[in-house]
Amino acid sequence: MSFLIDPPWLYATGRVYGRLMDERTPAALLARTTTAGVFLATSISLYLNLPWTRPIWERCRAEDGRDWMLNSGLFRIDHRRAGWRVHAAAALLFATYPWWLSLGERAGRKR
């Protein structure tokens, strides 16, 4: 998971939910909550370089979890010296995760 990949993935997942589930059912609420929770827990853990995320960032050929979250193998943000501005931007991006899922759900229902 990374800031580059997560939003489209959440949006696409939301579209599937929107097509397959009635938004008012307990199953839809559970799916939405679980999906957002897993994405947030994994991505925040990567950003914080928690030890359990090592297999994920190693498979992505990143230097660590924060490197993967910020750079996705494409950019050159200095993840080792990330200051308060980078951390604040990351927090704002994390806050959008449920919104991407919801946006996808709305689009999936319109079909």
PDB file of N, CA and C in Angstrom:
ATOM      1  N   MET A   1       0.842  -1.171   0.000  1.00  0.00           N
ATOM      2  CA  MET A   1       0.000   0.000   0.000  1.00  0.00           C
ATOM      3  C   MET A   1       0.889   1.237   0.000  1.00  0.00           C
ATOM      4  N   SER A   2       0.426   2.247  -0.690  1.00  0.00           N
ATOM      5  CA  SER A   2       1.172   3.503  -0.740  1.00  0.00           C
ATOM      6  C   SER A   2       0.193   4.626  -1.045  1.00  0.00           C
ATOM      7  N   PHE A   3       0.657   5.854  -0.842  1.00  0.00           N
ATOM      8  CA  PHE A   3      -0.218   6.992  -1.115  1.00  0.00           C
ATOM      9  C   PHE A   3      -0.579   7.085  -2.592  1.00  0.00           C
ATOM     10  N   LEU A   4       0.215   6.505  -3.454  1.00  0.00           N
ATOM     11  CA  LEU A   4      -0.063   6.523  -4.882  1.00  0.00           C
ATOM     12  C   LEU A   4      -1.079   5.455  -5.270  1.00  0.00           C
ATOM     13  N   ILE A   5      -1.027   4.325  -4.605  1.00  0.00           N
ATOM     14  CA  ILE A   5      -1.870   3.180  -4.959  1.00  0.00           C
ATOM     15  C   ILE A   5      -3.179   3.131  -4.172  1.00  0.00           C
ATOM     16  N   ASP A   6      -3.145   3.500  -2.911  1.00  0.00           N
ATOM     17  CA  ASP A   6      -4.310   3.318  -2.040  1.00  0.00           C
ATOM     18  C   ASP A   6      -5.581   4.022  -2.516  1.00  0.00           C
ATOM     19  N   PRO A   7      -5.551   5.307  -2.881  1.00  0.00           N
ATOM     20  CA  PRO A   7      -6.812   5.945  -3.280  1.00  0.00           C
ATOM     21  C   PRO A   7      -7.517   5.260  -4.454  1.00  0.00           C
ATOM     22  N   PRO A   8      -6.824   4.937  -5.561  1.00  0.00           N
ATOM     23  CA  PRO A   8      -7.544   4.239  -6.634  1.00  0.00           C
ATOM     24  C   PRO A   8      -8.043   2.858  -6.218  1.00  0.00           C
ATOM     25  N   TRP A   9      -7.275   2.179  -5.378  1.00  0.00           N
ATOM     26  CA  TRP A   9      -7.674   0.863  -4.910  1.00  0.00           C
ATOM     27  C   TRP A   9      -8.912   0.972  -4.029  1.00  0.00           C
ATOM     28  N   LEU A  10      -8.950   1.945  -3.139  1.00  0.00           N
ATOM     29  CA  LEU A  10     -10.129   2.163  -2.304  1.00  0.00           C
ATOM     30  C   LEU A  10     -11.336   2.547  -3.154  1.00  0.00           C
ATOM     31  N   TYR A  11     -11.134   3.418  -4.120  1.00  0.00           N
ATOM     32  CA  TYR A  11     -12.223   3.828  -5.012  1.00  0.00           C
ATOM     33  C   TYR A  11     -12.788   2.621  -5.757  1.00  0.00           C
ATOM     34  N   ALA A  12     -11.912   1.791  -6.329  1.00  0.00           N
ATOM     35  CA  ALA A  12     -12.353   0.611  -7.074  1.00  0.00           C
ATOM     36  C   ALA A  12     -13.102  -0.368  -6.173  1.00  0.00           C
ATOM     37  N   THR A  13     -12.596  -0.560  -4.964  1.00  0.00           N
ATOM     38  CA  THR A  13     -13.276  -1.438  -4.011  1.00  0.00           C
ATOM     39  C   THR A  13     -14.656  -0.883  -3.669  1.00  0.00           C
ATOM     40  N   GLY A  14     -14.731   0.422  -3.470  1.00  0.00           N
ATOM     41  CA  GLY A  14     -16.020   1.061  -3.199  1.00  0.00           C
ATOM     42  C   GLY A  14     -16.999   0.879  -4.349  1.00  0.00           C
ATOM     43  N   ARG A  15     -16.518   0.953  -5.577  1.00  0.00           N
ATOM     44  CA  ARG A  15     -17.405   0.734  -6.737  1.00  0.00           C
ATOM     45  C   ARG A  15     -17.996  -0.663  -6.715  1.00  0.00           C
ATOM     46  N   VAL A  16     -17.160  -1.641  -6.370  1.00  0.00           N
ATOM     47  CA  VAL A  16     -17.660  -3.020  -6.274  1.00  0.00           C
ATOM     48  C   VAL A  16     -18.718  -3.111  -5.181  1.00  0.00           C
ATOM     49  N   TYR A  17     -18.439  -2.545  -4.018  1.00  0.00           N
ATOM     50  CA  TYR A  17     -19.424  -2.552  -2.939  1.00  0.00           C
ATOM     51  C   TYR A  17     -20.719  -1.873  -3.380  1.00  0.00           C
ATOM     52  N   GLY A  18     -20.595  -0.743  -4.060  1.00  0.00           N
ATOM     53  CA  GLY A  18     -21.775  -0.013  -4.509  1.00  0.00           C
ATOM     54  C   GLY A  18     -22.628  -0.813  -5.474  1.00  0.00           C
ATOM     55  N   ARG A  19     -22.006  -1.619  -6.312  1.00  0.00           N
ATOM     56  CA  ARG A  19     -22.740  -2.447  -7.264  1.00  0.00           C
ATOM     57  C   ARG A  19     -23.378  -3.661  -6.603  1.00  0.00           C
ATOM     58  N   LEU A  20     -22.693  -4.213  -5.597  1.00  0.00           N
ATOM     59  CA  LEU A  20     -23.132  -5.492  -5.048  1.00  0.00           C
ATOM     60  C   LEU A  20     -23.956  -5.418  -3.776  1.00  0.00           C
ATOM     61  N   MET A  21     -23.861  -4.328  -3.028  1.00  0.00           N
ATOM     62  CA  MET A  21     -24.499  -4.295  -1.712  1.00  0.00           C
ATOM     63  C   MET A  21     -25.392  -3.072  -1.537  1.00  0.00           C
ATOM     64  N   ASP A  22     -26.487  -3.296  -0.834  1.00  0.00           N
ATOM     65  CA  ASP A  22     -27.340  -2.188  -0.419  1.00  0.00           C
ATOM     66  C   ASP A  22     -26.624  -1.485   0.730  1.00  0.00           C
ATOM     67  N   GLU A  23     -26.447  -0.173   0.606  1.00  0.00           N
ATOM     68  CA  GLU A  23     -25.656   0.572   1.587  1.00  0.00           C
ATOM     69  C   GLU A  23     -26.220   0.540   2.998  1.00  0.00           C
ATOM     70  N   ARG A  24     -27.491   0.213   3.159  1.00  0.00           N
ATOM     71  CA  ARG A  24     -28.121   0.248   4.484  1.00  0.00           C
ATOM     72  C   ARG A  24     -28.021  -1.068   5.249  1.00  0.00           C
ATOM     73  N   THR A  25     -27.449  -2.089   4.643  1.00  0.00           N
ATOM     74  CA  THR A  25     -27.385  -3.389   5.313  1.00  0.00           C
ATOM     75  C   THR A  25     -26.206  -3.456   6.280  1.00  0.00           C
ATOM     76  N   PRO A  26     -26.334  -4.286   7.302  1.00  0.00           N
ATOM     77  CA  PRO A  26     -25.201  -4.476   8.213  1.00  0.00           C
ATOM     78  C   PRO A  26     -23.963  -5.022   7.486  1.00  0.00           C
ATOM     79  N   ALA A  27     -24.162  -5.851   6.475  1.00  0.00           N
ATOM     80  CA  ALA A  27     -23.027  -6.407   5.723  1.00  0.00           C
ATOM     81  C   ALA A  27     -22.255  -5.298   5.012  1.00  0.00           C
ATOM     82  N   ALA A  28     -22.962  -4.321   4.456  1.00  0.00           N
ATOM     83  CA  ALA A  28     -22.291  -3.211   3.775  1.00  0.00           C
ATOM     84  C   ALA A  28     -21.502  -2.367   4.768  1.00  0.00           C
ATOM     85  N   LEU A  29     -22.082  -2.105   5.915  1.00  0.00           N
ATOM     86  CA  LEU A  29     -21.381  -1.338   6.945  1.00  0.00           C
ATOM     87  C   LEU A  29     -20.132  -2.082   7.421  1.00  0.00           C
ATOM     88  N   LEU A  30     -20.268  -3.380   7.618  1.00  0.00           N
ATOM     89  CA  LEU A  30     -19.128  -4.193   8.044  1.00  0.00           C
ATOM     90  C   LEU A  30     -18.031  -4.198   6.974  1.00  0.00           C
ATOM     91  N   ALA A  31     -18.410  -4.369   5.715  1.00  0.00           N
ATOM     92  CA  ALA A  31     -17.430  -4.386   4.623  1.00  0.00           C
ATOM     93  C   ALA A  31     -16.713  -3.048   4.527  1.00  0.00           C
ATOM     94  N   ARG A  32     -17.465  -1.972   4.599  1.00  0.00           N
ATOM     95  CA  ARG A  32     -16.894  -0.626   4.506  1.00  0.00           C
ATOM     96  C   ARG A  32     -15.935  -0.350   5.668  1.00  0.00           C
ATOM     97  N   THR A  33     -16.380  -0.651   6.868  1.00  0.00           N
ATOM     98  CA  THR A  33     -15.572  -0.397   8.061  1.00  0.00           C
ATOM     99  C   THR A  33     -14.310  -1.258   8.061  1.00  0.00           C
ATOM    100  N   THR A  34     -14.456  -2.525   7.728  1.00  0.00           N
ATOM    101  CA  THR A  34     -13.315  -3.432   7.709  1.00  0.00           C
ATOM    102  C   THR A  34     -12.297  -3.010   6.652  1.00  0.00           C
ATOM    103  N   THR A  35     -12.771  -2.673   5.468  1.00  0.00           N
ATOM    104  CA  THR A  35     -11.866  -2.268   4.388  1.00  0.00           C
ATOM    105  C   THR A  35     -11.095  -1.011   4.771  1.00  0.00           C
ATOM    106  N   ALA A  36     -11.799   0.004   5.222  1.00  0.00           N
ATOM    107  CA  ALA A  36     -11.125   1.245   5.624  1.00  0.00           C
ATOM    108  C   ALA A  36     -10.148   0.974   6.769  1.00  0.00           C
ATOM    109  N   GLY A  37     -10.552   0.145   7.717  1.00  0.00           N
ATOM    110  CA  GLY A  37      -9.698  -0.172   8.855  1.00  0.00           C
ATOM    111  C   GLY A  37      -8.428  -0.904   8.452  1.00  0.00           C
ATOM    112  N   VAL A  38      -8.556  -1.873   7.559  1.00  0.00           N
ATOM    113  CA  VAL A  38      -7.382  -2.624   7.111  1.00  0.00           C
ATOM    114  C   VAL A  38      -6.427  -1.715   6.335  1.00  0.00           C
ATOM    115  N   PHE A  39      -6.973  -0.914   5.442  1.00  0.00           N
ATOM    116  CA  PHE A  39      -6.118   0.016   4.685  1.00  0.00           C
ATOM    117  C   PHE A  39      -5.405   0.980   5.621  1.00  0.00           C
ATOM    118  N   LEU A  40      -6.154   1.581   6.531  1.00  0.00           N
ATOM    119  CA  LEU A  40      -5.544   2.546   7.440  1.00  0.00           C
ATOM    120  C   LEU A  40      -4.528   1.897   8.371  1.00  0.00           C
ATOM    121  N   ALA A  41      -4.873   0.760   8.945  1.00  0.00           N
ATOM    122  CA  ALA A  41      -3.955   0.092   9.874  1.00  0.00           C
ATOM    123  C   ALA A  41      -2.657  -0.303   9.174  1.00  0.00           C
ATOM    124  N   THR A  42      -2.775  -0.850   7.979  1.00  0.00           N
ATOM    125  CA  THR A  42      -1.581  -1.277   7.247  1.00  0.00           C
ATOM    126  C   THR A  42      -0.761  -0.080   6.790  1.00  0.00           C
ATOM    127  N   SER A  43      -1.409   0.904   6.214  1.00  0.00           N
ATOM    128  CA  SER A  43      -0.685   2.056   5.674  1.00  0.00           C
ATOM    129  C   SER A  43      -0.035   2.892   6.769  1.00  0.00           C
ATOM    130  N   ILE A  44      -0.742   3.120   7.848  1.00  0.00           N
ATOM    131  CA  ILE A  44      -0.153   3.877   8.961  1.00  0.00           C
ATOM    132  C   ILE A  44       1.008   3.090   9.571  1.00  0.00           C
ATOM    133  N   SER A  45       0.840   1.787   9.685  1.00  0.00           N
ATOM    134  CA  SER A  45       1.934   0.958  10.206  1.00  0.00           C
ATOM    135  C   SER A  45       3.154   1.013   9.303  1.00  0.00           C
ATOM    136  N   LEU A  46       2.925   1.010   7.996  1.00  0.00           N
ATOM    137  CA  LEU A  46       4.045   1.168   7.061  1.00  0.00           C
ATOM    138  C   LEU A  46       4.712   2.518   7.262  1.00  0.00           C
ATOM    139  N   TYR A  47       3.912   3.561   7.336  1.00  0.00           N
ATOM    140  CA  TYR A  47       4.455   4.907   7.494  1.00  0.00           C
ATOM    141  C   TYR A  47       5.277   5.026   8.773  1.00  0.00           C
ATOM    142  N   LEU A  48       4.845   4.352   9.822  1.00  0.00           N
ATOM    143  CA  LEU A  48       5.542   4.399  11.116  1.00  0.00           C
ATOM    144  C   LEU A  48       6.678   3.372  11.217  1.00  0.00           C
ATOM    145  N   ASN A  49       6.886   2.628  10.141  1.00  0.00           N
ATOM    146  CA  ASN A  49       7.943   1.604  10.092  1.00  0.00           C
ATOM    147  C   ASN A  49       7.807   0.559  11.192  1.00  0.00           C
ATOM    148  N   LEU A  50       6.588   0.129  11.446  1.00  0.00           N
ATOM    149  CA  LEU A  50       6.394  -0.913  12.450  1.00  0.00           C
ATOM    150  C   LEU A  50       7.004  -2.225  11.932  1.00  0.00           C
ATOM    151  N   PRO A  51       7.636  -2.985  12.810  1.00  0.00           N
ATOM    152  CA  PRO A  51       8.374  -4.180  12.379  1.00  0.00           C
ATOM    153  C   PRO A  51       7.563  -5.191  11.563  1.00  0.00           C
ATOM    154  N   TRP A  52       6.286  -5.368  11.869  1.00  0.00           N
ATOM    155  CA  TRP A  52       5.500  -6.378  11.161  1.00  0.00           C
ATOM    156  C   TRP A  52       5.306  -6.049   9.678  1.00  0.00           C
ATOM    157  N   THR A  53       5.584  -4.805   9.281  1.00  0.00           N
ATOM    158  CA  THR A  53       5.387  -4.423   7.874  1.00  0.00           C
ATOM    159  C   THR A  53       6.607  -4.720   6.997  1.00  0.00           C
ATOM    160  N   ARG A  54       7.689  -5.153   7.604  1.00  0.00           N
ATOM    161  CA  ARG A  54       8.927  -5.397   6.850  1.00  0.00           C
ATOM    162  C   ARG A  54       8.717  -6.271   5.604  1.00  0.00           C
ATOM    163  N   PRO A  55       8.009  -7.394   5.697  1.00  0.00           N
ATOM    164  CA  PRO A  55       7.824  -8.202   4.483  1.00  0.00           C
ATOM    165  C   PRO A  55       7.118  -7.450   3.352  1.00  0.00           C
ATOM    166  N   ILE A  56       6.248  -6.526   3.693  1.00  0.00           N
ATOM    167  CA  ILE A  56       5.529  -5.758   2.671  1.00  0.00           C
ATOM    168  C   ILE A  56       6.491  -4.842   1.939  1.00  0.00           C
ATOM    169  N   TRP A  57       7.212  -3.989   2.684  1.00  0.00           N
ATOM    170  CA  TRP A  57       8.077  -3.020   2.000  1.00  0.00           C
ATOM    171  C   TRP A  57       9.276  -3.682   1.348  1.00  0.00           C
ATOM    172  N   GLU A  58       9.729  -4.802   1.883  1.00  0.00           N
ATOM    173  CA  GLU A  58      10.832  -5.505   1.220  1.00  0.00           C
ATOM    174  C   GLU A  58      10.397  -6.044  -0.138  1.00  0.00           C
ATOM    175  N   ARG A  59       9.178  -6.587  -0.218  1.00  0.00           N
ATOM    176  CA  ARG A  59       8.660  -7.087  -1.501  1.00  0.00           C
ATOM    177  C   ARG A  59       8.482  -5.960  -2.514  1.00  0.00           C
ATOM    178  N   CYS A  60       8.288  -4.759  -2.003  1.00  0.00           N
ATOM    179  CA  CYS A  60       8.118  -3.591  -2.886  1.00  0.00           C
ATOM    180  C   CYS A  60       9.461  -2.936  -3.222  1.00  0.00           C
ATOM    181  N   ARG A  61      10.543  -3.526  -2.741  1.00  0.00           N
ATOM    182  CA  ARG A  61      11.898  -3.027  -2.990  1.00  0.00           C
ATOM    183  C   ARG A  61      12.114  -1.607  -2.466  1.00  0.00           C
ATOM    184  N   ALA A  62      11.512  -1.333  -1.327  1.00  0.00           N
ATOM    185  CA  ALA A  62      11.677  -0.026  -0.684  1.00  0.00           C
ATOM    186  C   ALA A  62      12.689  -0.147   0.449  1.00  0.00           C
ATOM    187  N   GLU A  63      13.213   0.989   0.873  1.00  0.00           N
ATOM    188  CA  GLU A  63      14.167   0.992   1.989  1.00  0.00           C
ATOM    189  C   GLU A  63      13.485   0.740   3.331  1.00  0.00           C
ATOM    190  N   ASP A  64      12.259   1.186   3.452  1.00  0.00           N
ATOM    191  CA  ASP A  64      11.452   0.927   4.647  1.00  0.00           C
ATOM    192  C   ASP A  64      10.002   1.275   4.310  1.00  0.00           C
ATOM    193  N   GLY A  65       9.137   1.152   5.305  1.00  0.00           N
ATOM    194  CA  GLY A  65       7.714   1.395   5.065  1.00  0.00           C
ATOM    195  C   GLY A  65       7.398   2.824   4.668  1.00  0.00           C
ATOM    196  N   ARG A  66       8.048   3.783   5.312  1.00  0.00           N
ATOM    197  CA  ARG A  66       7.798   5.183   4.978  1.00  0.00           C
ATOM    198  C   ARG A  66       8.267   5.492   3.555  1.00  0.00           C
ATOM    199  N   ASP A  67       9.397   4.920   3.168  1.00  0.00           N
ATOM    200  CA  ASP A  67       9.874   5.085   1.796  1.00  0.00           C
ATOM    201  C   ASP A  67       8.818   4.587   0.814  1.00  0.00           C
ATOM    202  N   TRP A  68       8.247   3.429   1.100  1.00  0.00           N
ATOM    203  CA  TRP A  68       7.222   2.889   0.201  1.00  0.00           C
ATOM    204  C   TRP A  68       5.976   3.778   0.178  1.00  0.00           C
ATOM    205  N   MET A  69       5.522   4.216   1.346  1.00  0.00           N
ATOM    206  CA  MET A  69       4.319   5.041   1.407  1.00  0.00           C
ATOM    207  C   MET A  69       4.513   6.363   0.668  1.00  0.00           C
ATOM    208  N   LEU A  70       5.658   7.001   0.829  1.00  0.00           N
ATOM    209  CA  LEU A  70       5.889   8.321   0.230  1.00  0.00           C
ATOM    210  C   LEU A  70       6.333   8.254  -1.229  1.00  0.00           C
ATOM    211  N   ASN A  71       7.166   7.284  -1.560  1.00  0.00           N
ATOM    212  CA  ASN A  71       7.806   7.294  -2.871  1.00  0.00           C
ATOM    213  C   ASN A  71       7.277   6.261  -3.855  1.00  0.00           C
ATOM    214  N   SER A  72       6.728   5.186  -3.380  1.00  0.00           N
ATOM    215  CA  SER A  72       6.161   4.131  -4.230  1.00  0.00           C
ATOM    216  C   SER A  72       7.123   3.670  -5.321  1.00  0.00           C
ATOM    217  N   GLY A  73       8.401   3.805  -5.088  1.00  0.00           N
ATOM    218  CA  GLY A  73       9.380   3.412  -6.095  1.00  0.00           C
ATOM    219  C   GLY A  73       9.507   4.389  -7.256  1.00  0.00           C
ATOM    220  N   LEU A  74       8.787   5.517  -7.201  1.00  0.00           N
ATOM    221  CA  LEU A  74       8.785   6.471  -8.313  1.00  0.00           C
ATOM    222  C   LEU A  74       9.349   7.843  -7.959  1.00  0.00           C
ATOM    223  N   PHE A  75       9.161   8.255  -6.721  1.00  0.00           N
ATOM    224  CA  PHE A  75       9.548   9.602  -6.318  1.00  0.00           C
ATOM    225  C   PHE A  75      10.827   9.566  -5.496  1.00  0.00           C
ATOM    226  N   ARG A  76      11.328  10.725  -5.139  1.00  0.00           N
ATOM    227  CA  ARG A  76      12.568  10.807  -4.372  1.00  0.00           C
ATOM    228  C   ARG A  76      12.431  11.712  -3.144  1.00  0.00           C
ATOM    229  N   ILE A  77      11.320  11.591  -2.450  1.00  0.00           N
ATOM    230  CA  ILE A  77      11.133  12.342  -1.215  1.00  0.00           C
ATOM    231  C   ILE A  77      12.078  11.734  -0.173  1.00  0.00           C
ATOM    232  N   ASP A  78      12.786  12.566   0.545  1.00  0.00           N
ATOM    233  CA  ASP A  78      13.718  12.070   1.559  1.00  0.00           C
ATOM    234  C   ASP A  78      12.920  11.566   2.766  1.00  0.00           C
ATOM    235  N   HIS A  79      12.603  10.299   2.748  1.00  0.00           N
ATOM    236  CA  HIS A  79      11.766   9.708   3.790  1.00  0.00           C
ATOM    237  C   HIS A  79      12.484   9.636   5.138  1.00  0.00           C
ATOM    238  N   ARG A  80      13.812   9.681   5.138  1.00  0.00           N
ATOM    239  CA  ARG A  80      14.570   9.619   6.399  1.00  0.00           C
ATOM    240  C   ARG A  80      14.507  10.940   7.160  1.00  0.00           C
ATOM    241  N   ARG A  81      14.316  12.032   6.441  1.00  0.00           N
ATOM    242  CA  ARG A  81      14.293  13.360   7.068  1.00  0.00           C
ATOM    243  C   ARG A  81      12.911  14.011   6.987  1.00  0.00           C
ATOM    244  N   ALA A  82      11.905  13.193   6.896  1.00  0.00           N
ATOM    245  CA  ALA A  82      10.549  13.730   6.795  1.00  0.00           C
ATOM    246  C   ALA A  82      10.245  14.585   8.024  1.00  0.00           C
ATOM    247  N   GLY A  83       9.923  15.823   7.797  1.00  0.00           N
ATOM    248  CA  GLY A  83       9.614  16.752   8.880  1.00  0.00           C
ATOM    249  C   GLY A  83       8.130  16.880   9.104  1.00  0.00           C
ATOM    250  N   TRP A  84       7.782  17.897   9.875  1.00  0.00           N
ATOM    251  CA  TRP A  84       6.383  18.062  10.254  1.00  0.00           C
ATOM    252  C   TRP A  84       5.472  18.290   9.059  1.00  0.00           C
ATOM    253  N   ARG A  85       5.970  18.948   8.019  1.00  0.00           N
ATOM    254  CA  ARG A  85       5.124  19.187   6.829  1.00  0.00           C
ATOM    255  C   ARG A  85       4.775  17.878   6.128  1.00  0.00           C
ATOM    256  N   VAL A  86       5.760  17.010   5.997  1.00  0.00           N
ATOM    257  CA  VAL A  86       5.509  15.710   5.366  1.00  0.00           C
ATOM    258  C   VAL A  86       4.560  14.892   6.238  1.00  0.00           C
ATOM    259  N   HIS A  87       4.772  14.904   7.545  1.00  0.00           N
ATOM    260  CA  HIS A  87       3.891  14.162   8.453  1.00  0.00           C
ATOM    261  C   HIS A  87       2.468  14.718   8.412  1.00  0.00           C
ATOM    262  N   ALA A  88       2.337  16.027   8.338  1.00  0.00           N
ATOM    263  CA  ALA A  88       0.998  16.638   8.263  1.00  0.00           C
ATOM    264  C   ALA A  88       0.312  16.263   6.949  1.00  0.00           C
ATOM    265  N   ALA A  89       1.062  16.292   5.857  1.00  0.00           N
ATOM    266  CA  ALA A  89       0.490  15.895   4.562  1.00  0.00           C
ATOM    267  C   ALA A  89       0.067  14.429   4.599  1.00  0.00           C
ATOM    268  N   ALA A  90       0.881  13.584   5.218  1.00  0.00           N
ATOM    269  CA  ALA A  90       0.539  12.165   5.336  1.00  0.00           C
ATOM    270  C   ALA A  90      -0.746  11.996   6.139  1.00  0.00           C
ATOM    271  N   ALA A  91      -0.868  12.716   7.244  1.00  0.00           N
ATOM    272  CA  ALA A  91      -2.075  12.629   8.066  1.00  0.00           C
ATOM    273  C   ALA A  91      -3.309  13.045   7.262  1.00  0.00           C
ATOM    274  N   LEU A  92      -3.174  14.101   6.465  1.00  0.00           N
ATOM    275  CA  LEU A  92      -4.297  14.535   5.621  1.00  0.00           C
ATOM    276  C   LEU A  92      -4.651  13.469   4.586  1.00  0.00           C
ATOM    277  N   LEU A  93      -3.638  12.861   3.999  1.00  0.00           N
ATOM    278  CA  LEU A  93      -3.899  11.796   3.027  1.00  0.00           C
ATOM    279  C   LEU A  93      -4.592  10.609   3.683  1.00  0.00           C
ATOM    280  N   PHE A  94      -4.135  10.219   4.872  1.00  0.00           N
ATOM    281  CA  PHE A  94      -4.799   9.122   5.579  1.00  0.00           C
ATOM    282  C   PHE A  94      -6.263   9.464   5.858  1.00  0.00           C
ATOM    283  N   ALA A  95      -6.522  10.705   6.183  1.00  0.00           N
ATOM    284  CA  ALA A  95      -7.892  11.130   6.488  1.00  0.00           C
ATOM    285  C   ALA A  95      -8.814  11.017   5.285  1.00  0.00           C
ATOM    286  N   THR A  96      -8.259  10.998   4.072  1.00  0.00           N
ATOM    287  CA  THR A  96      -9.093  10.878   2.872  1.00  0.00           C
ATOM    288  C   THR A  96      -9.460   9.440   2.534  1.00  0.00           C
ATOM    289  N   TYR A  97      -8.853   8.463   3.167  1.00  0.00           N
ATOM    290  CA  TYR A  97      -9.098   7.066   2.800  1.00  0.00           C
ATOM    291  C   TYR A  97     -10.579   6.683   2.844  1.00  0.00           C
ATOM    292  N   PRO A  98     -11.310   6.969   3.925  1.00  0.00           N
ATOM    293  CA  PRO A  98     -12.736   6.622   3.914  1.00  0.00           C
ATOM    294  C   PRO A  98     -13.509   7.359   2.810  1.00  0.00           C
ATOM    295  N   TRP A  99     -13.086   8.580   2.503  1.00  0.00           N
ATOM    296  CA  TRP A  99     -13.748   9.353   1.455  1.00  0.00           C
ATOM    297  C   TRP A  99     -13.600   8.665   0.096  1.00  0.00           C
ATOM    298  N   TRP A 100     -12.396   8.159  -0.223  1.00  0.00           N
ATOM    299  CA  TRP A 100     -12.201   7.457  -1.501  1.00  0.00           C
ATOM    300  C   TRP A 100     -13.105   6.238  -1.599  1.00  0.00           C
ATOM    301  N   LEU A 101     -13.225   5.495  -0.524  1.00  0.00           N
ATOM    302  CA  LEU A 101     -14.093   4.320  -0.506  1.00  0.00           C
ATOM    303  C   LEU A 101     -15.543   4.727  -0.733  1.00  0.00           C
ATOM    304  N   SER A 102     -15.971   5.760  -0.045  1.00  0.00           N
ATOM    305  CA  SER A 102     -17.338   6.250  -0.178  1.00  0.00           C
ATOM    306  C   SER A 102     -17.618   6.790  -1.583  1.00  0.00           C
ATOM    307  N   LEU A 103     -16.656   7.501  -2.143  1.00  0.00           N
ATOM    308  CA  LEU A 103     -16.795   8.032  -3.499  1.00  0.00           C
ATOM    309  C   LEU A 103     -16.997   6.891  -4.494  1.00  0.00           C
ATOM    310  N   GLY A 104     -16.224   5.843  -4.345  1.00  0.00           N
ATOM    311  CA  GLY A 104     -16.375   4.672  -5.211  1.00  0.00           C
ATOM    312  C   GLY A 104     -17.723   4.008  -5.042  1.00  0.00           C
ATOM    313  N   GLU A 105     -18.194   3.903  -3.808  1.00  0.00           N
ATOM    314  CA  GLU A 105     -19.510   3.305  -3.559  1.00  0.00           C
ATOM    315  C   GLU A 105     -20.605   4.104  -4.259  1.00  0.00           C
ATOM    316  N   ARG A 106     -20.555   5.415  -4.135  1.00  0.00           N
ATOM    317  CA  ARG A 106     -21.568   6.248  -4.801  1.00  0.00           C
ATOM    318  C   ARG A 106     -21.531   6.062  -6.304  1.00  0.00           C
ATOM    319  N   ALA A 107     -20.355   5.981  -6.868  1.00  0.00           N
ATOM    320  CA  ALA A 107     -20.229   5.782  -8.314  1.00  0.00           C
ATOM    321  C   ALA A 107     -20.756   4.403  -8.713  1.00  0.00           C
ATOM    322  N   GLY A 108     -20.490   3.398  -7.886  1.00  0.00           N
ATOM    323  CA  GLY A 108     -20.973   2.044  -8.181  1.00  0.00           C
ATOM    324  C   GLY A 108     -22.485   1.930  -8.140  1.00  0.00           C
ATOM    325  N   ARG A 109     -23.140   2.694  -7.297  1.00  0.00           N
ATOM    326  CA  ARG A 109     -24.596   2.677  -7.199  1.00  0.00           C
ATOM    327  C   ARG A 109     -25.281   3.357  -8.378  1.00  0.00           C
ATOM    328  N   LYS A 110     -24.577   4.285  -9.006  1.00  0.00           N
ATOM    329  CA  LYS A 110     -25.170   5.039 -10.107  1.00  0.00           C
ATOM    330  C   LYS A 110     -25.298   4.214 -11.380  1.00  0.00           C
ATOM    331  N   ARG A 111     -24.632   3.102 -11.451  1.00  0.00           N
ATOM    332  CA  ARG A 111     -24.669   2.256 -12.649  1.00  0.00           C
ATOM    333  C   ARG A 111     -26.039   1.718 -12.892  1.00  0.00           C
TER     334      ARG A 111
END
